[in-house]
PDB file of all heavy atoms in Angstrom:
ATOM      1  N   PHE A   1       0.848  -1.180   0.000  1.00  0.00           N
ATOM      2  CA  PHE A   1       0.000   0.000   0.000  1.00  0.00           C
ATOM      3  C   PHE A   1       0.888   1.236   0.000  1.00  0.00           C
ATOM      4  O   PHE A   1       2.035   1.188   0.426  1.00  0.00           O
ATOM      5  CB  PHE A   1      -0.899   0.050   1.241  1.00  0.00           C
ATOM      6  CG  PHE A   1      -1.896  -1.059   1.307  1.00  0.00           C
ATOM      7  CD1 PHE A   1      -1.733  -2.092   2.206  1.00  0.00           C
ATOM      8  CD2 PHE A   1      -2.998  -1.072   0.481  1.00  0.00           C
ATOM      9  CE1 PHE A   1      -2.651  -3.120   2.281  1.00  0.00           C
ATOM     10  CE2 PHE A   1      -3.926  -2.090   0.544  1.00  0.00           C
ATOM     11  CZ  PHE A   1      -3.749  -3.116   1.444  1.00  0.00           C
ATOM     12  N   TYR A   2       0.341   2.351  -0.477  1.00  0.00           N
ATOM     13  CA  TYR A   2       1.038   3.629  -0.428  1.00  0.00           C
ATOM     14  C   TYR A   2       0.426   4.484   0.669  1.00  0.00           C
ATOM     15  O   TYR A   2      -0.684   4.256   1.116  1.00  0.00           O
ATOM     16  CB  TYR A   2       0.923   4.373  -1.760  1.00  0.00           C
ATOM     17  CG  TYR A   2       1.670   3.732  -2.905  1.00  0.00           C
ATOM     18  CD1 TYR A   2       1.104   3.660  -4.165  1.00  0.00           C
ATOM     19  CD2 TYR A   2       2.933   3.210  -2.724  1.00  0.00           C
ATOM     20  CE1 TYR A   2       1.792   3.086  -5.217  1.00  0.00           C
ATOM     21  CE2 TYR A   2       3.615   2.633  -3.769  1.00  0.00           C
ATOM     22  CZ  TYR A   2       3.046   2.576  -5.014  1.00  0.00           C
ATOM     23  OH  TYR A   2       3.729   2.012  -6.045  1.00  0.00           O
ATOM     24  N   LEU A   3       1.153   5.510   1.090  1.00  0.00           N
ATOM     25  CA  LEU A   3       0.699   6.495   2.069  1.00  0.00           C
ATOM     26  C   LEU A   3       0.379   5.875   3.420  1.00  0.00           C
ATOM     27  O   LEU A   3      -0.510   6.329   4.130  1.00  0.00           O
ATOM     28  CB  LEU A   3      -0.538   7.247   1.539  1.00  0.00           C
ATOM     29  CG  LEU A   3      -0.378   7.964   0.207  1.00  0.00           C
ATOM     30  CD1 LEU A   3      -1.683   8.651  -0.172  1.00  0.00           C
ATOM     31  CD2 LEU A   3       0.744   8.973   0.247  1.00  0.00           C
ATOM     32  N   THR A   4       1.111   4.840   3.813  1.00  0.00           N
ATOM     33  CA  THR A   4       0.829   4.200   5.098  1.00  0.00           C
ATOM     34  C   THR A   4       1.954   4.361   6.124  1.00  0.00           C
ATOM     35  O   THR A   4       1.727   4.113   7.297  1.00  0.00           O
ATOM     36  CB  THR A   4       0.555   2.700   4.914  1.00  0.00           C
ATOM     37  OG1 THR A   4       1.660   2.104   4.250  1.00  0.00           O
ATOM     38  CG2 THR A   4      -0.703   2.475   4.099  1.00  0.00           C
ATOM     39  N   PHE A   5       3.137   4.739   5.719  1.00  0.00           N
ATOM     40  CA  PHE A   5       4.272   4.861   6.642  1.00  0.00           C
ATOM     41  C   PHE A   5       5.016   6.139   6.284  1.00  0.00           C
ATOM     42  O   PHE A   5       6.056   6.118   5.642  1.00  0.00           O
ATOM     43  CB  PHE A   5       5.168   3.626   6.522  1.00  0.00           C
ATOM     44  CG  PHE A   5       6.079   3.429   7.693  1.00  0.00           C
ATOM     45  CD1 PHE A   5       5.583   3.209   8.965  1.00  0.00           C
ATOM     46  CD2 PHE A   5       7.445   3.462   7.524  1.00  0.00           C
ATOM     47  CE1 PHE A   5       6.429   3.018  10.041  1.00  0.00           C
ATOM     48  CE2 PHE A   5       8.309   3.272   8.598  1.00  0.00           C
ATOM     49  CZ  PHE A   5       7.784   3.047   9.852  1.00  0.00           C
ATOM     50  N   LEU A   6       4.467   7.266   6.667  1.00  0.00           N
ATOM     51  CA  LEU A   6       4.962   8.565   6.243  1.00  0.00           C
ATOM     52  C   LEU A   6       5.663   9.306   7.371  1.00  0.00           C
ATOM     53  O   LEU A   6       5.447   9.033   8.546  1.00  0.00           O
ATOM     54  CB  LEU A   6       3.781   9.421   5.747  1.00  0.00           C
ATOM     55  CG  LEU A   6       3.003   8.854   4.569  1.00  0.00           C
ATOM     56  CD1 LEU A   6       1.746   9.658   4.333  1.00  0.00           C
ATOM     57  CD2 LEU A   6       3.867   8.841   3.327  1.00  0.00           C
ATOM     58  N   LEU A   7       6.500  10.264   6.982  1.00  0.00           N
ATOM     59  CA  LEU A   7       7.070  11.205   7.945  1.00  0.00           C
ATOM     60  C   LEU A   7       5.954  12.164   8.323  1.00  0.00           C
ATOM     61  O   LEU A   7       5.126  12.475   7.501  1.00  0.00           O
ATOM     62  CB  LEU A   7       8.213  11.998   7.318  1.00  0.00           C
ATOM     63  CG  LEU A   7       9.508  11.232   7.096  1.00  0.00           C
ATOM     64  CD1 LEU A   7      10.457  12.068   6.260  1.00  0.00           C
ATOM     65  CD2 LEU A   7      10.153  10.851   8.387  1.00  0.00           C
ATOM     66  N   PRO A   8       5.870  12.669   9.495  1.00  0.00           N
ATOM     67  CA  PRO A   8       6.734  12.438  10.656  1.00  0.00           C
ATOM     68  C   PRO A   8       6.275  11.285  11.539  1.00  0.00           C
ATOM     69  O   PRO A   8       6.934  10.969  12.529  1.00  0.00           O
ATOM     70  CB  PRO A   8       6.648  13.749  11.407  1.00  0.00           C
ATOM     71  CG  PRO A   8       5.282  14.260  11.131  1.00  0.00           C
ATOM     72  CD  PRO A   8       4.976  13.813   9.713  1.00  0.00           C
ATOM     73  N   GLN A   9       5.146  10.629  11.200  1.00  0.00           N
ATOM     74  CA  GLN A   9       4.625   9.560  12.059  1.00  0.00           C
ATOM     75  C   GLN A   9       5.619   8.420  12.244  1.00  0.00           C
ATOM     76  O   GLN A   9       5.794   7.914  13.366  1.00  0.00           O
ATOM     77  CB  GLN A   9       3.301   9.003  11.507  1.00  0.00           C
ATOM     78  CG  GLN A   9       2.178   9.990  11.502  1.00  0.00           C
ATOM     79  CD  GLN A   9       2.094  10.801  10.219  1.00  0.00           C
ATOM     80  OE1 GLN A   9       2.985  10.769   9.367  1.00  0.00           O
ATOM     81  NE2 GLN A   9       1.019  11.558  10.081  1.00  0.00           N
ATOM     82  N   CYS A  10       6.286   7.996  11.158  1.00  0.00           N
ATOM     83  CA  CYS A  10       7.234   6.896  11.306  1.00  0.00           C
ATOM     84  C   CYS A  10       8.441   7.316  12.140  1.00  0.00           C
ATOM     85  O   CYS A  10       8.962   6.517  12.917  1.00  0.00           O
ATOM     86  CB  CYS A  10       7.657   6.342   9.955  1.00  0.00           C
ATOM     87  SG  CYS A  10       8.651   7.441   8.954  1.00  0.00           S
ATOM     88  N   GLN A  11       8.856   8.555  12.030  1.00  0.00           N
ATOM     89  CA  GLN A  11       9.971   9.039  12.840  1.00  0.00           C
ATOM     90  C   GLN A  11       9.593   9.018  14.318  1.00  0.00           C
ATOM     91  O   GLN A  11      10.360   8.540  15.153  1.00  0.00           O
ATOM     92  CB  GLN A  11      10.372  10.447  12.412  1.00  0.00           C
ATOM     93  CG  GLN A  11      11.561  10.977  13.173  1.00  0.00           C
ATOM     94  CD  GLN A  11      12.048  12.315  12.648  1.00  0.00           C
ATOM     95  OE1 GLN A  11      11.523  12.847  11.665  1.00  0.00           O
ATOM     96  NE2 GLN A  11      13.058  12.853  13.279  1.00  0.00           N
ATOM     97  N   THR A  12       8.415   9.491  14.626  1.00  0.00           N
ATOM     98  CA  THR A  12       7.941   9.486  16.013  1.00  0.00           C
ATOM     99  C   THR A  12       7.842   8.061  16.549  1.00  0.00           C
ATOM    100  O   THR A  12       8.265   7.777  17.673  1.00  0.00           O
ATOM    101  CB  THR A  12       6.566  10.181  16.103  1.00  0.00           C
ATOM    102  OG1 THR A  12       6.704  11.520  15.628  1.00  0.00           O
ATOM    103  CG2 THR A  12       6.039  10.190  17.525  1.00  0.00           C
ATOM    104  N   LEU A  13       7.312   7.153  15.753  1.00  0.00           N
ATOM    105  CA  LEU A  13       7.173   5.759  16.167  1.00  0.00           C
ATOM    106  C   LEU A  13       8.529   5.122  16.432  1.00  0.00           C
ATOM    107  O   LEU A  13       8.728   4.467  17.463  1.00  0.00           O
ATOM    108  CB  LEU A  13       6.412   4.975  15.099  1.00  0.00           C
ATOM    109  CG  LEU A  13       6.195   3.501  15.369  1.00  0.00           C
ATOM    110  CD1 LEU A  13       5.300   3.305  16.586  1.00  0.00           C
ATOM    111  CD2 LEU A  13       5.589   2.830  14.151  1.00  0.00           C
ATOM    112  N   LEU A  14       9.469   5.312  15.518  1.00  0.00           N
ATOM    113  CA  LEU A  14      10.797   4.732  15.700  1.00  0.00           C
ATOM    114  C   LEU A  14      11.495   5.314  16.926  1.00  0.00           C
ATOM    115  O   LEU A  14      12.091   4.575  17.722  1.00  0.00           O
ATOM    116  CB  LEU A  14      11.641   4.954  14.445  1.00  0.00           C
ATOM    117  CG  LEU A  14      11.247   4.116  13.233  1.00  0.00           C
ATOM    118  CD1 LEU A  14      11.882   4.665  11.973  1.00  0.00           C
ATOM    119  CD2 LEU A  14      11.641   2.661  13.448  1.00  0.00           C
ATOM    120  N   GLU A  15      11.439   6.622  17.105  1.00  0.00           N
ATOM    121  CA  GLU A  15      12.079   7.248  18.265  1.00  0.00           C
ATOM    122  C   GLU A  15      11.439   6.796  19.572  1.00  0.00           C
ATOM    123  O   GLU A  15      12.136   6.609  20.571  1.00  0.00           O
ATOM    124  CB  GLU A  15      12.018   8.769  18.129  1.00  0.00           C
ATOM    125  CG  GLU A  15      12.950   9.284  17.053  1.00  0.00           C
ATOM    126  CD  GLU A  15      12.812  10.771  16.770  1.00  0.00           C
ATOM    127  OE1 GLU A  15      11.823  11.398  17.210  1.00  0.00           O
ATOM    128  OE2 GLU A  15      13.704  11.309  16.085  1.00  0.00           O
ATOM    129  N   SER A  16      10.143   6.571  19.572  1.00  0.00           N
ATOM    130  CA  SER A  16       9.480   6.112  20.794  1.00  0.00           C
ATOM    131  C   SER A  16       9.885   4.686  21.167  1.00  0.00           C
ATOM    132  O   SER A  16       9.689   4.261  22.304  1.00  0.00           O
ATOM    133  CB  SER A  16       7.960   6.203  20.648  1.00  0.00           C
ATOM    134  OG  SER A  16       7.473   5.209  19.767  1.00  0.00           O
ATOM    135  N   HIS A  17      10.458   3.956  20.201  1.00  0.00           N
ATOM    136  CA  HIS A  17      10.947   2.604  20.466  1.00  0.00           C
ATOM    137  C   HIS A  17      12.467   2.550  20.592  1.00  0.00           C
ATOM    138  O   HIS A  17      13.081   1.496  20.457  1.00  0.00           O
ATOM    139  CB  HIS A  17      10.469   1.651  19.371  1.00  0.00           C
ATOM    140  CG  HIS A  17       9.039   1.279  19.529  1.00  0.00           C
ATOM    141  ND1 HIS A  17       8.013   2.052  19.029  1.00  0.00           N
ATOM    142  CD2 HIS A  17       8.453   0.249  20.162  1.00  0.00           C
ATOM    143  CE1 HIS A  17       6.862   1.497  19.329  1.00  0.00           C
ATOM    144  NE2 HIS A  17       7.099   0.404  20.022  1.00  0.00           N
ATOM    145  N   GLY A  18      13.083   3.696  20.838  1.00  0.00           N
ATOM    146  CA  GLY A  18      14.500   3.741  21.148  1.00  0.00           C
ATOM    147  C   GLY A  18      15.446   3.848  19.967  1.00  0.00           C
ATOM    148  O   GLY A  18      16.652   3.687  20.140  1.00  0.00           O
ATOM    149  N   PHE A  19      14.944   4.131  18.783  1.00  0.00           N
ATOM    150  CA  PHE A  19      15.804   4.280  17.619  1.00  0.00           C
ATOM    151  C   PHE A  19      16.275   5.721  17.495  1.00  0.00           C
ATOM    152  O   PHE A  19      15.544   6.657  17.808  1.00  0.00           O
ATOM    153  CB  PHE A  19      15.056   3.896  16.339  1.00  0.00           C
ATOM    154  CG  PHE A  19      14.864   2.419  16.166  1.00  0.00           C
ATOM    155  CD1 PHE A  19      13.762   1.787  16.702  1.00  0.00           C
ATOM    156  CD2 PHE A  19      15.788   1.663  15.462  1.00  0.00           C
ATOM    157  CE1 PHE A  19      13.575   0.428  16.551  1.00  0.00           C
ATOM    158  CE2 PHE A  19      15.611   0.303  15.302  1.00  0.00           C
ATOM    159  CZ  PHE A  19      14.503  -0.318  15.851  1.00  0.00           C
ATOM    160  N   HIS A  20      17.505   5.874  17.012  1.00  0.00           N
ATOM    161  CA  HIS A  20      18.007   7.182  16.616  1.00  0.00           C
ATOM    162  C   HIS A  20      17.672   7.315  15.133  1.00  0.00           C
ATOM    163  O   HIS A  20      18.035   6.449  14.328  1.00  0.00           O
ATOM    164  CB  HIS A  20      19.516   7.297  16.839  1.00  0.00           C
ATOM    165  CG  HIS A  20      20.098   8.518  16.218  1.00  0.00           C
ATOM    166  ND1 HIS A  20      19.899   9.769  16.737  1.00  0.00           N
ATOM    167  CD2 HIS A  20      20.838   8.672  15.100  1.00  0.00           C
ATOM    168  CE1 HIS A  20      20.509  10.654  15.957  1.00  0.00           C
ATOM    169  NE2 HIS A  20      21.092   9.999  14.963  1.00  0.00           N
ATOM    170  N   VAL A  21      16.965   8.375  14.761  1.00  0.00           N
ATOM    171  CA  VAL A  21      16.476   8.519  13.391  1.00  0.00           C
ATOM    172  C   VAL A  21      17.167   9.689  12.710  1.00  0.00           C
ATOM    173  O   VAL A  21      17.172  10.805  13.214  1.00  0.00           O
ATOM    174  CB  VAL A  21      14.948   8.729  13.370  1.00  0.00           C
ATOM    175  CG1 VAL A  21      14.451   8.905  11.949  1.00  0.00           C
ATOM    176  CG2 VAL A  21      14.242   7.559  14.044  1.00  0.00           C
ATOM    177  N   GLN A  22      17.736   9.398  11.549  1.00  0.00           N
ATOM    178  CA  GLN A  22      18.336  10.424  10.704  1.00  0.00           C
ATOM    179  C   GLN A  22      17.521  10.481   9.417  1.00  0.00           C
ATOM    180  O   GLN A  22      17.290   9.448   8.774  1.00  0.00           O
ATOM    181  CB  GLN A  22      19.786  10.079  10.391  1.00  0.00           C
ATOM    182  CG  GLN A  22      20.451  11.048   9.453  1.00  0.00           C
ATOM    183  CD  GLN A  22      21.831  10.565   8.998  1.00  0.00           C
ATOM    184  OE1 GLN A  22      22.248   9.456   9.275  1.00  0.00           O
ATOM    185  NE2 GLN A  22      22.522  11.424   8.279  1.00  0.00           N
ATOM    186  N   VAL A  23      17.063  11.665   9.038  1.00  0.00           N
ATOM    187  CA  VAL A  23      16.302  11.857   7.806  1.00  0.00           C
ATOM    188  C   VAL A  23      17.166  12.643   6.832  1.00  0.00           C
ATOM    189  O   VAL A  23      17.568  13.764   7.117  1.00  0.00           O
ATOM    190  CB  VAL A  23      14.971  12.599   8.075  1.00  0.00           C
ATOM    191  CG1 VAL A  23      14.209  12.814   6.773  1.00  0.00           C
ATOM    192  CG2 VAL A  23      14.132  11.846   9.083  1.00  0.00           C
ATOM    193  N   ARG A  24      17.449  12.038   5.688  1.00  0.00           N
ATOM    194  CA  ARG A  24      18.296  12.670   4.668  1.00  0.00           C
ATOM    195  C   ARG A  24      17.407  13.223   3.570  1.00  0.00           C
ATOM    196  O   ARG A  24      16.622  12.494   2.966  1.00  0.00           O
ATOM    197  CB  ARG A  24      19.268  11.651   4.081  1.00  0.00           C
ATOM    198  CG  ARG A  24      20.206  10.983   5.078  1.00  0.00           C
ATOM    199  CD  ARG A  24      21.533  11.674   5.228  1.00  0.00           C
ATOM    200  NE  ARG A  24      22.128  12.118   3.997  1.00  0.00           N
ATOM    201  CZ  ARG A  24      22.973  11.408   3.266  1.00  0.00           C
ATOM    202  NH1 ARG A  24      23.342  10.200   3.628  1.00  0.00           N
ATOM    203  NH2 ARG A  24      23.469  11.926   2.143  1.00  0.00           N
ATOM    204  N   ASN A  25      17.541  14.509   3.286  1.00  0.00           N
ATOM    205  CA  ASN A  25      16.745  15.175   2.255  1.00  0.00           C
ATOM    206  C   ASN A  25      17.472  15.287   0.923  1.00  0.00           C
ATOM    207  O   ASN A  25      16.887  15.738  -0.054  1.00  0.00           O
ATOM    208  CB  ASN A  25      16.370  16.590   2.717  1.00  0.00           C
ATOM    209  CG  ASN A  25      15.552  16.576   3.972  1.00  0.00           C
ATOM    210  OD1 ASN A  25      14.753  15.676   4.184  1.00  0.00           O
ATOM    211  ND2 ASN A  25      15.759  17.566   4.810  1.00  0.00           N
ATOM    212  N   ASP A  26      18.723  14.878   0.866  1.00  0.00           N
ATOM    213  CA  ASP A  26      19.566  15.155  -0.299  1.00  0.00           C
ATOM    214  C   ASP A  26      19.941  13.921  -1.112  1.00  0.00           C
ATOM    215  O   ASP A  26      20.894  13.953  -1.884  1.00  0.00           O
ATOM    216  CB  ASP A  26      20.842  15.842   0.174  1.00  0.00           C
ATOM    217  CG  ASP A  26      21.611  14.986   1.185  1.00  0.00           C
ATOM    218  OD1 ASP A  26      21.070  13.973   1.657  1.00  0.00           O
ATOM    219  OD2 ASP A  26      22.763  15.344   1.501  1.00  0.00           O
ATOM    220  N   VAL A  27      19.190  12.844  -0.984  1.00  0.00           N
ATOM    221  CA  VAL A  27      19.574  11.592  -1.631  1.00  0.00           C
ATOM    222  C   VAL A  27      18.925  11.430  -3.002  1.00  0.00           C
ATOM    223  O   VAL A  27      19.579  11.036  -3.964  1.00  0.00           O
ATOM    224  CB  VAL A  27      19.217  10.390  -0.729  1.00  0.00           C
ATOM    225  CG1 VAL A  27      19.491   9.075  -1.425  1.00  0.00           C
ATOM    226  CG2 VAL A  27      19.990  10.480   0.580  1.00  0.00           C
ATOM    227  N   PHE A  28      17.665  11.748  -3.120  1.00  0.00           N
ATOM    228  CA  PHE A  28      16.914  11.487  -4.340  1.00  0.00           C
ATOM    229  C   PHE A  28      16.781  12.750  -5.184  1.00  0.00           C
ATOM    230  O   PHE A  28      16.687  13.849  -4.659  1.00  0.00           O
ATOM    231  CB  PHE A  28      15.525  10.936  -4.001  1.00  0.00           C
ATOM    232  CG  PHE A  28      15.580   9.668  -3.203  1.00  0.00           C
ATOM    233  CD1 PHE A  28      15.393   9.689  -1.830  1.00  0.00           C
ATOM    234  CD2 PHE A  28      15.836   8.457  -3.825  1.00  0.00           C
ATOM    235  CE1 PHE A  28      15.450   8.525  -1.082  1.00  0.00           C
ATOM    236  CE2 PHE A  28      15.902   7.289  -3.082  1.00  0.00           C
ATOM    237  CZ  PHE A  28      15.709   7.320  -1.715  1.00  0.00           C
ATOM    238  N   THR A  29      16.740  12.564  -6.494  1.00  0.00           N
ATOM    239  CA  THR A  29      16.610  13.688  -7.421  1.00  0.00           C
ATOM    240  C   THR A  29      15.506  13.392  -8.430  1.00  0.00           C
ATOM    241  O   THR A  29      14.986  12.284  -8.484  1.00  0.00           O
ATOM    242  CB  THR A  29      17.930  13.939  -8.169  1.00  0.00           C
ATOM    243  OG1 THR A  29      18.260  12.769  -8.925  1.00  0.00           O
ATOM    244  CG2 THR A  29      19.058  14.287  -7.214  1.00  0.00           C
ATOM    245  N   GLY A  30      15.200  14.377  -9.235  1.00  0.00           N
ATOM    246  CA  GLY A  30      14.211  14.195 -10.290  1.00  0.00           C
ATOM    247  C   GLY A  30      12.829  13.916  -9.727  1.00  0.00           C
ATOM    248  O   GLY A  30      12.395  14.544  -8.764  1.00  0.00           O
ATOM    249  N   ARG A  31      12.139  12.943 -10.321  1.00  0.00           N
ATOM    250  CA  ARG A  31      10.785  12.599  -9.883  1.00  0.00           C
ATOM    251  C   ARG A  31      10.735  12.076  -8.457  1.00  0.00           C
ATOM    252  O   ARG A  31       9.701  12.108  -7.813  1.00  0.00           O
ATOM    253  CB  ARG A  31      10.188  11.552 -10.815  1.00  0.00           C
ATOM    254  CG  ARG A  31       9.847  12.089 -12.180  1.00  0.00           C
ATOM    255  CD  ARG A  31       9.254  11.061 -13.089  1.00  0.00           C
ATOM    256  NE  ARG A  31       8.551   9.997 -12.386  1.00  0.00           N
ATOM    257  CZ  ARG A  31       8.169   8.873 -12.941  1.00  0.00           C
ATOM    258  NH1 ARG A  31       8.410   8.640 -14.194  1.00  0.00           N
ATOM    259  NH2 ARG A  31       7.550   7.961 -12.239  1.00  0.00           N
ATOM    260  N   LEU A  32      11.852  11.579  -7.956  1.00  0.00           N
ATOM    261  CA  LEU A  32      11.902  11.027  -6.600  1.00  0.00           C
ATOM    262  C   LEU A  32      12.365  12.040  -5.561  1.00  0.00           C
ATOM    263  O   LEU A  32      12.551  11.701  -4.400  1.00  0.00           O
ATOM    264  CB  LEU A  32      12.821   9.808  -6.572  1.00  0.00           C
ATOM    265  CG  LEU A  32      12.430   8.655  -7.491  1.00  0.00           C
ATOM    266  CD1 LEU A  32      13.471   7.554  -7.427  1.00  0.00           C
ATOM    267  CD2 LEU A  32      11.056   8.128  -7.146  1.00  0.00           C
ATOM    268  N   ALA A  33      12.550  13.288  -5.958  1.00  0.00           N
ATOM    269  CA  ALA A  33      13.110  14.308  -5.064  1.00  0.00           C
ATOM    270  C   ALA A  33      12.248  14.538  -3.819  1.00  0.00           C
ATOM    271  O   ALA A  33      12.755  15.018  -2.809  1.00  0.00           O
ATOM    272  CB  ALA A  33      13.295  15.621  -5.818  1.00  0.00           C
ATOM    273  N   ARG A  34      10.977  14.196  -3.867  1.00  0.00           N
ATOM    274  CA  ARG A  34      10.104  14.372  -2.696  1.00  0.00           C
ATOM    275  C   ARG A  34      10.371  13.332  -1.608  1.00  0.00           C
ATOM    276  O   ARG A  34       9.936  13.488  -0.478  1.00  0.00           O
ATOM    277  CB  ARG A  34       8.641  14.275  -3.112  1.00  0.00           C
ATOM    278  CG  ARG A  34       8.187  15.417  -3.962  1.00  0.00           C
ATOM    279  CD  ARG A  34       6.704  15.252  -4.295  1.00  0.00           C
ATOM    280  NE  ARG A  34       6.261  16.279  -5.170  1.00  0.00           N
ATOM    281  CZ  ARG A  34       6.148  16.145  -6.485  1.00  0.00           C
ATOM    282  NH1 ARG A  34       6.450  14.998  -7.055  1.00  0.00           N
ATOM    283  NH2 ARG A  34       5.726  17.138  -7.222  1.00  0.00           N
ATOM    284  N   LEU A  35      11.050  12.243  -1.977  1.00  0.00           N
ATOM    285  CA  LEU A  35      11.320  11.186  -1.008  1.00  0.00           C
ATOM    286  C   LEU A  35      12.449  11.577  -0.063  1.00  0.00           C
ATOM    287  O   LEU A  35      13.336  12.350  -0.409  1.00  0.00           O
ATOM    288  CB  LEU A  35      11.704   9.887  -1.717  1.00  0.00           C
ATOM    289  CG  LEU A  35      10.592   9.209  -2.496  1.00  0.00           C
ATOM    290  CD1 LEU A  35      11.149   8.000  -3.226  1.00  0.00           C
ATOM    291  CD2 LEU A  35       9.450   8.817  -1.586  1.00  0.00           C
ATOM    292  N   ARG A  36      12.390  11.020   1.118  1.00  0.00           N
ATOM    293  CA  ARG A  36      13.435  11.205   2.122  1.00  0.00           C
ATOM    294  C   ARG A  36      13.990   9.844   2.499  1.00  0.00           C
ATOM    295  O   ARG A  36      13.228   8.882   2.642  1.00  0.00           O
ATOM    296  CB  ARG A  36      12.873  11.877   3.384  1.00  0.00           C
ATOM    297  CG  ARG A  36      12.194  13.214   3.136  1.00  0.00           C
ATOM    298  CD  ARG A  36      13.193  14.213   2.584  1.00  0.00           C
ATOM    299  NE  ARG A  36      12.582  15.499   2.321  1.00  0.00           N
ATOM    300  CZ  ARG A  36      12.382  15.983   1.102  1.00  0.00           C
ATOM    301  NH1 ARG A  36      12.712  15.287   0.044  1.00  0.00           N
ATOM    302  NH2 ARG A  36      11.857  17.174   0.940  1.00  0.00           N
ATOM    303  N   LEU A  37      15.289   9.748   2.645  1.00  0.00           N
ATOM    304  CA  LEU A  37      15.914   8.515   3.105  1.00  0.00           C
ATOM    305  C   LEU A  37      15.933   8.549   4.623  1.00  0.00           C
ATOM    306  O   LEU A  37      16.425   9.510   5.226  1.00  0.00           O
ATOM    307  CB  LEU A  37      17.340   8.385   2.560  1.00  0.00           C
ATOM    308  CG  LEU A  37      18.025   7.072   2.896  1.00  0.00           C
ATOM    309  CD1 LEU A  37      17.377   5.931   2.120  1.00  0.00           C
ATOM    310  CD2 LEU A  37      19.502   7.146   2.586  1.00  0.00           C
ATOM    311  N   VAL A  38      15.399   7.517   5.234  1.00  0.00           N
ATOM    312  CA  VAL A  38      15.347   7.425   6.685  1.00  0.00           C
ATOM    313  C   VAL A  38      16.314   6.325   7.120  1.00  0.00           C
ATOM    314  O   VAL A  38      16.262   5.199   6.618  1.00  0.00           O
ATOM    315  CB  VAL A  38      13.930   7.112   7.186  1.00  0.00           C
ATOM    316  CG1 VAL A  38      13.899   6.957   8.699  1.00  0.00           C
ATOM    317  CG2 VAL A  38      12.958   8.181   6.720  1.00  0.00           C
ATOM    318  N   ILE A  39      17.190   6.678   8.049  1.00  0.00           N
ATOM    319  CA  ILE A  39      18.139   5.709   8.617  1.00  0.00           C
ATOM    320  C   ILE A  39      17.872   5.655  10.105  1.00  0.00           C
ATOM    321  O   ILE A  39      18.021   6.654  10.814  1.00  0.00           O
ATOM    322  CB  ILE A  39      19.600   6.154   8.344  1.00  0.00           C
ATOM    323  CG1 ILE A  39      19.817   6.338   6.842  1.00  0.00           C
ATOM    324  CG2 ILE A  39      20.577   5.149   8.940  1.00  0.00           C
ATOM    325  CD1 ILE A  39      21.093   7.055   6.490  1.00  0.00           C
ATOM    326  N   ALA A  40      17.407   4.505  10.569  1.00  0.00           N
ATOM    327  CA  ALA A  40      17.070   4.329  11.972  1.00  0.00           C
ATOM    328  C   ALA A  40      17.995   3.280  12.575  1.00  0.00           C
ATOM    329  O   ALA A  40      18.057   2.142  12.113  1.00  0.00           O
ATOM    330  CB  ALA A  40      15.614   3.895  12.120  1.00  0.00           C
ATOM    331  N   THR A  41      18.736   3.683  13.592  1.00  0.00           N
ATOM    332  CA  THR A  41      19.672   2.784  14.255  1.00  0.00           C
ATOM    333  C   THR A  41      19.352   2.704  15.737  1.00  0.00           C
ATOM    334  O   THR A  41      18.737   3.598  16.314  1.00  0.00           O
ATOM    335  CB  THR A  41      21.118   3.254  14.066  1.00  0.00           C
ATOM    336  OG1 THR A  41      21.232   4.596  14.567  1.00  0.00           O
ATOM    337  CG2 THR A  41      21.527   3.224  12.604  1.00  0.00           C
ATOM    338  N   LYS A  42      19.787   1.612  16.334  1.00  0.00           N
ATOM    339  CA  LYS A  42      19.529   1.410  17.760  1.00  0.00           C
ATOM    340  C   LYS A  42      20.790   0.874  18.398  1.00  0.00           C
ATOM    341  O   LYS A  42      21.411  -0.072  17.887  1.00  0.00           O
ATOM    342  CB  LYS A  42      18.376   0.423  17.929  1.00  0.00           C
ATOM    343  CG  LYS A  42      17.799   0.379  19.309  1.00  0.00           C
ATOM    344  CD  LYS A  42      16.517  -0.437  19.313  1.00  0.00           C
ATOM    345  CE  LYS A  42      15.816  -0.287  20.619  1.00  0.00           C
ATOM    346  NZ  LYS A  42      14.549  -1.048  20.649  1.00  0.00           N
TER     347      LYS A  42
END
């Protein structure tokens, strides 16, 4: 499905479970430029 795991809800969910979340805005270009790369580590 689409539109089910979006920022900022997924960031809040991951952080509430102890993950450190980094959101990168500079990874995708062109038609994908609206996407953000999320890196969640624990």
